[in-house]
Amino acid sequence: MTEPITPKTTLPRSLRINRIEQERQNKPDLDHHQLAQDLKKENLKKENRVNKSEETEHKQINDQEETEQQNQEQESKEEEEKNEQASNTKRGSYIDIKI
């Protein structure tokens, strides 16, 4: 005959039911780990984007400074050439005769 079920009585479970129960218990942990990994990947992508944008900004600033220096050098050279040409034209236009 069968015995009555008491709290201490163990009932045999099938392997399938055990697997389902374990999956239910482990699912929140797996979801949590997956979410954490996704957030890490997203944060790395954001950091890389920020680093790249900072690098490009620094490059742009450096390029602008270089072009400004080159423009200043060209302007100073042009001014020197103009001054030389002006002084050359003054030299030939006057005749200084002393007696």
N, C-alpha and C. Protein backbone atom coordinates (compact mmCIF):
# COMPACT_ATOMS: atom_id res chain seq x y z
N MET A 1 0.82 -1.17 0.00
CA MET A 1 0.00 0.00 0.00
C MET A 1 0.87 1.25 0.00
N THR A 2 0.25 2.34 -0.21
CA THR A 2 0.99 3.59 -0.29
C THR A 2 0.97 4.30 1.05
N GLU A 3 2.03 4.99 1.26
CA GLU A 3 2.13 5.75 2.50
C GLU A 3 1.64 7.16 2.25
N PRO A 4 1.16 7.80 3.29
CA PRO A 4 0.75 9.19 3.12
C PRO A 4 1.99 10.08 2.92
N ILE A 5 1.81 11.19 2.24
CA ILE A 5 2.91 12.11 1.95
C ILE A 5 3.09 13.04 3.15
N THR A 6 4.30 13.05 3.64
CA THR A 6 4.64 13.95 4.74
C THR A 6 5.70 14.92 4.24
N PRO A 7 6.00 15.98 4.99
CA PRO A 7 7.03 16.93 4.53
C PRO A 7 8.39 16.31 4.35
N LYS A 8 8.69 15.24 5.02
CA LYS A 8 10.00 14.61 4.91
C LYS A 8 10.05 13.58 3.78
N THR A 9 8.98 13.33 3.15
CA THR A 9 8.93 12.35 2.09
C THR A 9 9.55 12.94 0.82
N THR A 10 10.42 12.20 0.20
CA THR A 10 11.01 12.64 -1.06
C THR A 10 10.31 11.93 -2.20
N LEU A 11 10.01 12.72 -3.19
CA LEU A 11 9.35 12.16 -4.36
C LEU A 11 10.36 12.09 -5.50
N PRO A 12 10.37 10.99 -6.19
CA PRO A 12 11.31 10.91 -7.32
C PRO A 12 10.87 11.84 -8.45
N ARG A 13 11.85 12.52 -8.99
CA ARG A 13 11.56 13.43 -10.11
C ARG A 13 12.24 12.88 -11.36
N SER A 14 11.69 13.27 -12.44
CA SER A 14 12.32 12.84 -13.68
C SER A 14 13.47 13.81 -13.98
N LEU A 15 14.38 13.37 -14.82
CA LEU A 15 15.52 14.20 -15.20
C LEU A 15 15.08 15.46 -15.92
N ARG A 16 14.05 15.34 -16.68
CA ARG A 16 13.55 16.50 -17.43
C ARG A 16 13.05 17.58 -16.49
N ILE A 17 12.31 17.18 -15.48
CA ILE A 17 11.80 18.16 -14.51
C ILE A 17 12.95 18.78 -13.74
N ASN A 18 13.95 17.99 -13.39
CA ASN A 18 15.12 18.53 -12.70
C ASN A 18 15.84 19.58 -13.55
N ARG A 19 16.01 19.29 -14.84
CA ARG A 19 16.65 20.25 -15.74
C ARG A 19 15.86 21.54 -15.83
N ILE A 20 14.56 21.41 -15.97
CA ILE A 20 13.72 22.60 -16.06
C ILE A 20 13.83 23.43 -14.79
N GLU A 21 13.83 22.79 -13.68
CA GLU A 21 13.95 23.49 -12.40
C GLU A 21 15.30 24.19 -12.28
N GLN A 22 16.36 23.53 -12.69
CA GLN A 22 17.68 24.15 -12.64
C GLN A 22 17.77 25.34 -13.59
N GLU A 23 17.19 25.23 -14.76
CA GLU A 23 17.18 26.34 -15.71
C GLU A 23 16.43 27.53 -15.14
N ARG A 24 15.34 27.27 -14.47
CA ARG A 24 14.58 28.36 -13.86
C ARG A 24 15.41 29.05 -12.78
N GLN A 25 16.17 28.27 -12.04
CA GLN A 25 16.97 28.87 -10.98
C GLN A 25 18.18 29.62 -11.55
N ASN A 26 18.76 29.10 -12.61
CA ASN A 26 19.96 29.70 -13.17
C ASN A 26 19.68 30.81 -14.17
N LYS A 27 18.49 30.89 -14.69
CA LYS A 27 18.16 31.88 -15.72
C LYS A 27 18.41 33.31 -15.27
N PRO A 28 17.99 33.72 -14.07
CA PRO A 28 18.28 35.10 -13.67
C PRO A 28 19.79 35.38 -13.60
N ASP A 29 20.57 34.40 -13.15
CA ASP A 29 22.03 34.60 -13.11
C ASP A 29 22.59 34.76 -14.51
N LEU A 30 22.14 33.93 -15.43
CA LEU A 30 22.62 34.02 -16.81
C LEU A 30 22.23 35.35 -17.42
N ASP A 31 21.00 35.77 -17.18
CA ASP A 31 20.53 37.05 -17.72
C ASP A 31 21.37 38.20 -17.15
N HIS A 32 21.64 38.11 -15.86
CA HIS A 32 22.43 39.15 -15.21
C HIS A 32 23.84 39.21 -15.81
N HIS A 33 24.47 38.06 -15.99
CA HIS A 33 25.81 38.03 -16.57
C HIS A 33 25.81 38.53 -18.01
N GLN A 34 24.82 38.15 -18.76
CA GLN A 34 24.73 38.59 -20.15
C GLN A 34 24.56 40.10 -20.22
N LEU A 35 23.71 40.63 -19.35
CA LEU A 35 23.48 42.07 -19.31
C LEU A 35 24.76 42.80 -18.91
N ALA A 36 25.46 42.25 -17.93
CA ALA A 36 26.71 42.87 -17.49
C ALA A 36 27.73 42.88 -18.63
N GLN A 37 27.84 41.80 -19.37
CA GLN A 37 28.77 41.74 -20.50
C GLN A 37 28.38 42.74 -21.58
N ASP A 38 27.10 42.85 -21.86
CA ASP A 38 26.64 43.80 -22.87
C ASP A 38 26.97 45.23 -22.45
N LEU A 39 26.78 45.54 -21.16
CA LEU A 39 27.09 46.88 -20.67
C LEU A 39 28.59 47.17 -20.75
N LYS A 40 29.41 46.17 -20.45
CA LYS A 40 30.86 46.36 -20.56
C LYS A 40 31.26 46.66 -22.00
N LYS A 41 30.71 45.89 -22.94
CA LYS A 41 31.02 46.11 -24.35
C LYS A 41 30.60 47.51 -24.79
N GLU A 42 29.42 47.91 -24.35
CA GLU A 42 28.90 49.23 -24.72
C GLU A 42 29.78 50.34 -24.15
N ASN A 43 30.20 50.17 -22.89
CA ASN A 43 31.07 51.17 -22.27
C ASN A 43 32.42 51.25 -22.98
N LEU A 44 32.96 50.10 -23.38
CA LEU A 44 34.23 50.10 -24.12
C LEU A 44 34.08 50.83 -25.45
N LYS A 45 32.97 50.60 -26.13
CA LYS A 45 32.74 51.28 -27.41
C LYS A 45 32.66 52.78 -27.19
N LYS A 46 31.96 53.19 -26.13
CA LYS A 46 31.84 54.63 -25.84
C LYS A 46 33.19 55.23 -25.52
N GLU A 47 34.00 54.53 -24.71
CA GLU A 47 35.33 55.03 -24.38
C GLU A 47 36.18 55.17 -25.63
N ASN A 48 36.11 54.18 -26.51
CA ASN A 48 36.88 54.24 -27.75
C ASN A 48 36.44 55.42 -28.60
N ARG A 49 35.12 55.64 -28.67
CA ARG A 49 34.62 56.78 -29.45
C ARG A 49 35.13 58.09 -28.87
N VAL A 50 35.09 58.21 -27.55
CA VAL A 50 35.55 59.45 -26.91
C VAL A 50 37.04 59.64 -27.16
N ASN A 51 37.81 58.57 -27.00
CA ASN A 51 39.26 58.67 -27.22
C ASN A 51 39.56 59.07 -28.65
N LYS A 52 38.85 58.47 -29.60
CA LYS A 52 39.08 58.81 -31.00
C LYS A 52 38.71 60.27 -31.28
N SER A 53 37.60 60.72 -30.71
CA SER A 53 37.20 62.10 -30.96
C SER A 53 38.19 63.07 -30.34
N GLU A 54 38.72 62.73 -29.16
CA GLU A 54 39.72 63.59 -28.54
C GLU A 54 40.99 63.62 -29.38
N GLU A 55 41.39 62.47 -29.91
CA GLU A 55 42.58 62.43 -30.75
C GLU A 55 42.39 63.28 -32.00
N THR A 56 41.23 63.17 -32.62
CA THR A 56 40.99 63.96 -33.83
C THR A 56 40.95 65.45 -33.51
N GLU A 57 40.39 65.80 -32.34
CA GLU A 57 40.38 67.22 -31.96
C GLU A 57 41.80 67.73 -31.78
N HIS A 58 42.64 66.93 -31.10
CA HIS A 58 44.03 67.34 -30.90
C HIS A 58 44.75 67.46 -32.24
N LYS A 59 44.49 66.53 -33.13
CA LYS A 59 45.11 66.60 -34.46
C LYS A 59 44.66 67.85 -35.20
N GLN A 60 43.36 68.15 -35.12
CA GLN A 60 42.85 69.33 -35.81
C GLN A 60 43.47 70.59 -35.23
N ILE A 61 43.58 70.65 -33.91
CA ILE A 61 44.18 71.82 -33.27
C ILE A 61 45.63 71.96 -33.70
N ASN A 62 46.36 70.85 -33.69
CA ASN A 62 47.76 70.89 -34.12
C ASN A 62 47.88 71.31 -35.57
N ASP A 63 47.02 70.79 -36.42
CA ASP A 63 47.04 71.16 -37.84
C ASP A 63 46.75 72.65 -38.01
N GLN A 64 45.79 73.16 -37.26
CA GLN A 64 45.46 74.58 -37.35
C GLN A 64 46.64 75.43 -36.91
N GLU A 65 47.29 75.03 -35.81
CA GLU A 65 48.44 75.78 -35.33
C GLU A 65 49.56 75.76 -36.36
N GLU A 66 49.79 74.61 -36.97
CA GLU A 66 50.83 74.53 -37.99
C GLU A 66 50.52 75.41 -39.19
N THR A 67 49.27 75.39 -39.64
CA THR A 67 48.92 76.22 -40.78
C THR A 67 49.03 77.70 -40.43
N GLU A 68 48.67 78.06 -39.20
CA GLU A 68 48.82 79.46 -38.79
C GLU A 68 50.29 79.87 -38.77
N GLN A 69 51.15 78.99 -38.26
CA GLN A 69 52.58 79.29 -38.26
C GLN A 69 53.12 79.42 -39.68
N GLN A 70 52.69 78.53 -40.55
CA GLN A 70 53.14 78.60 -41.94
C GLN A 70 52.66 79.88 -42.60
N ASN A 71 51.42 80.27 -42.32
CA ASN A 71 50.89 81.51 -42.89
C ASN A 71 51.68 82.71 -42.37
N GLN A 72 52.00 82.71 -41.09
CA GLN A 72 52.76 83.81 -40.53
C GLN A 72 54.16 83.87 -41.15
N GLU A 73 54.77 82.70 -41.33
CA GLU A 73 56.10 82.67 -41.95
C GLU A 73 56.04 83.19 -43.38
N GLN A 74 55.02 82.78 -44.13
CA GLN A 74 54.87 83.25 -45.50
C GLN A 74 54.65 84.76 -45.54
N GLU A 75 53.83 85.26 -44.63
CA GLU A 75 53.57 86.71 -44.59
C GLU A 75 54.84 87.47 -44.27
N SER A 76 55.61 86.95 -43.31
CA SER A 76 56.85 87.65 -42.95
C SER A 76 57.84 87.62 -44.13
N LYS A 77 57.90 86.50 -44.86
CA LYS A 77 58.78 86.43 -46.02
C LYS A 77 58.33 87.40 -47.10
N GLU A 78 57.03 87.47 -47.33
CA GLU A 78 56.50 88.40 -48.34
C GLU A 78 56.80 89.84 -47.96
N GLU A 79 56.67 90.16 -46.68
CA GLU A 79 56.96 91.52 -46.23
C GLU A 79 58.45 91.84 -46.43
N GLU A 80 59.31 90.87 -46.11
CA GLU A 80 60.74 91.09 -46.31
C GLU A 80 61.05 91.31 -47.79
N GLU A 81 60.41 90.52 -48.65
CA GLU A 81 60.64 90.68 -50.09
C GLU A 81 60.16 92.05 -50.56
N LYS A 82 59.01 92.47 -50.07
CA LYS A 82 58.50 93.80 -50.44
C LYS A 82 59.44 94.89 -49.97
N ASN A 83 59.94 94.75 -48.75
CA ASN A 83 60.87 95.75 -48.22
C ASN A 83 62.15 95.79 -49.06
N GLU A 84 62.65 94.61 -49.45
CA GLU A 84 63.84 94.56 -50.29
C GLU A 84 63.59 95.21 -51.64
N GLN A 85 62.44 94.91 -52.23
CA GLN A 85 62.10 95.49 -53.52
C GLN A 85 61.94 97.00 -53.40
N ALA A 86 61.32 97.44 -52.32
CA ALA A 86 61.14 98.88 -52.13
C ALA A 86 62.48 99.57 -51.96
N SER A 87 63.38 98.95 -51.20
CA SER A 87 64.70 99.56 -51.00
C SER A 87 65.51 99.53 -52.29
N ASN A 88 65.34 98.49 -53.09
CA ASN A 88 66.05 98.42 -54.37
C ASN A 88 65.54 99.49 -55.33
N THR A 89 64.26 99.75 -55.35
CA THR A 89 63.73 100.78 -56.24
C THR A 89 64.17 102.16 -55.80
N LYS A 90 64.33 102.40 -54.53
CA LYS A 90 64.77 103.71 -54.03
C LYS A 90 66.23 103.95 -54.38
N ARG A 91 67.02 102.94 -54.37
CA ARG A 91 68.45 103.09 -54.65
C ARG A 91 68.70 103.54 -56.09
N GLY A 92 67.95 103.00 -56.97
CA GLY A 92 68.21 103.33 -58.36
C GLY A 92 67.53 104.62 -58.81
N SER A 93 66.59 105.12 -58.10
CA SER A 93 65.85 106.29 -58.57
C SER A 93 66.55 107.61 -58.20
N TYR A 94 67.46 107.59 -57.29
CA TYR A 94 68.14 108.82 -56.87
C TYR A 94 69.60 108.79 -57.35
N ILE A 95 70.04 109.93 -57.82
CA ILE A 95 71.43 110.07 -58.22
C ILE A 95 72.03 111.13 -57.32
N ASP A 96 73.00 110.72 -56.59
CA ASP A 96 73.65 111.63 -55.65
C ASP A 96 74.99 112.06 -56.25
N ILE A 97 75.06 113.32 -56.66
CA ILE A 97 76.29 113.82 -57.28
C ILE A 97 76.89 114.83 -56.33
N LYS A 98 78.13 114.62 -56.03
CA LYS A 98 78.85 115.57 -55.16
C LYS A 98 80.00 116.18 -55.94
N ILE A 99 80.15 117.45 -55.83
CA ILE A 99 81.23 118.12 -56.57
C ILE A 99 82.14 118.80 -55.58
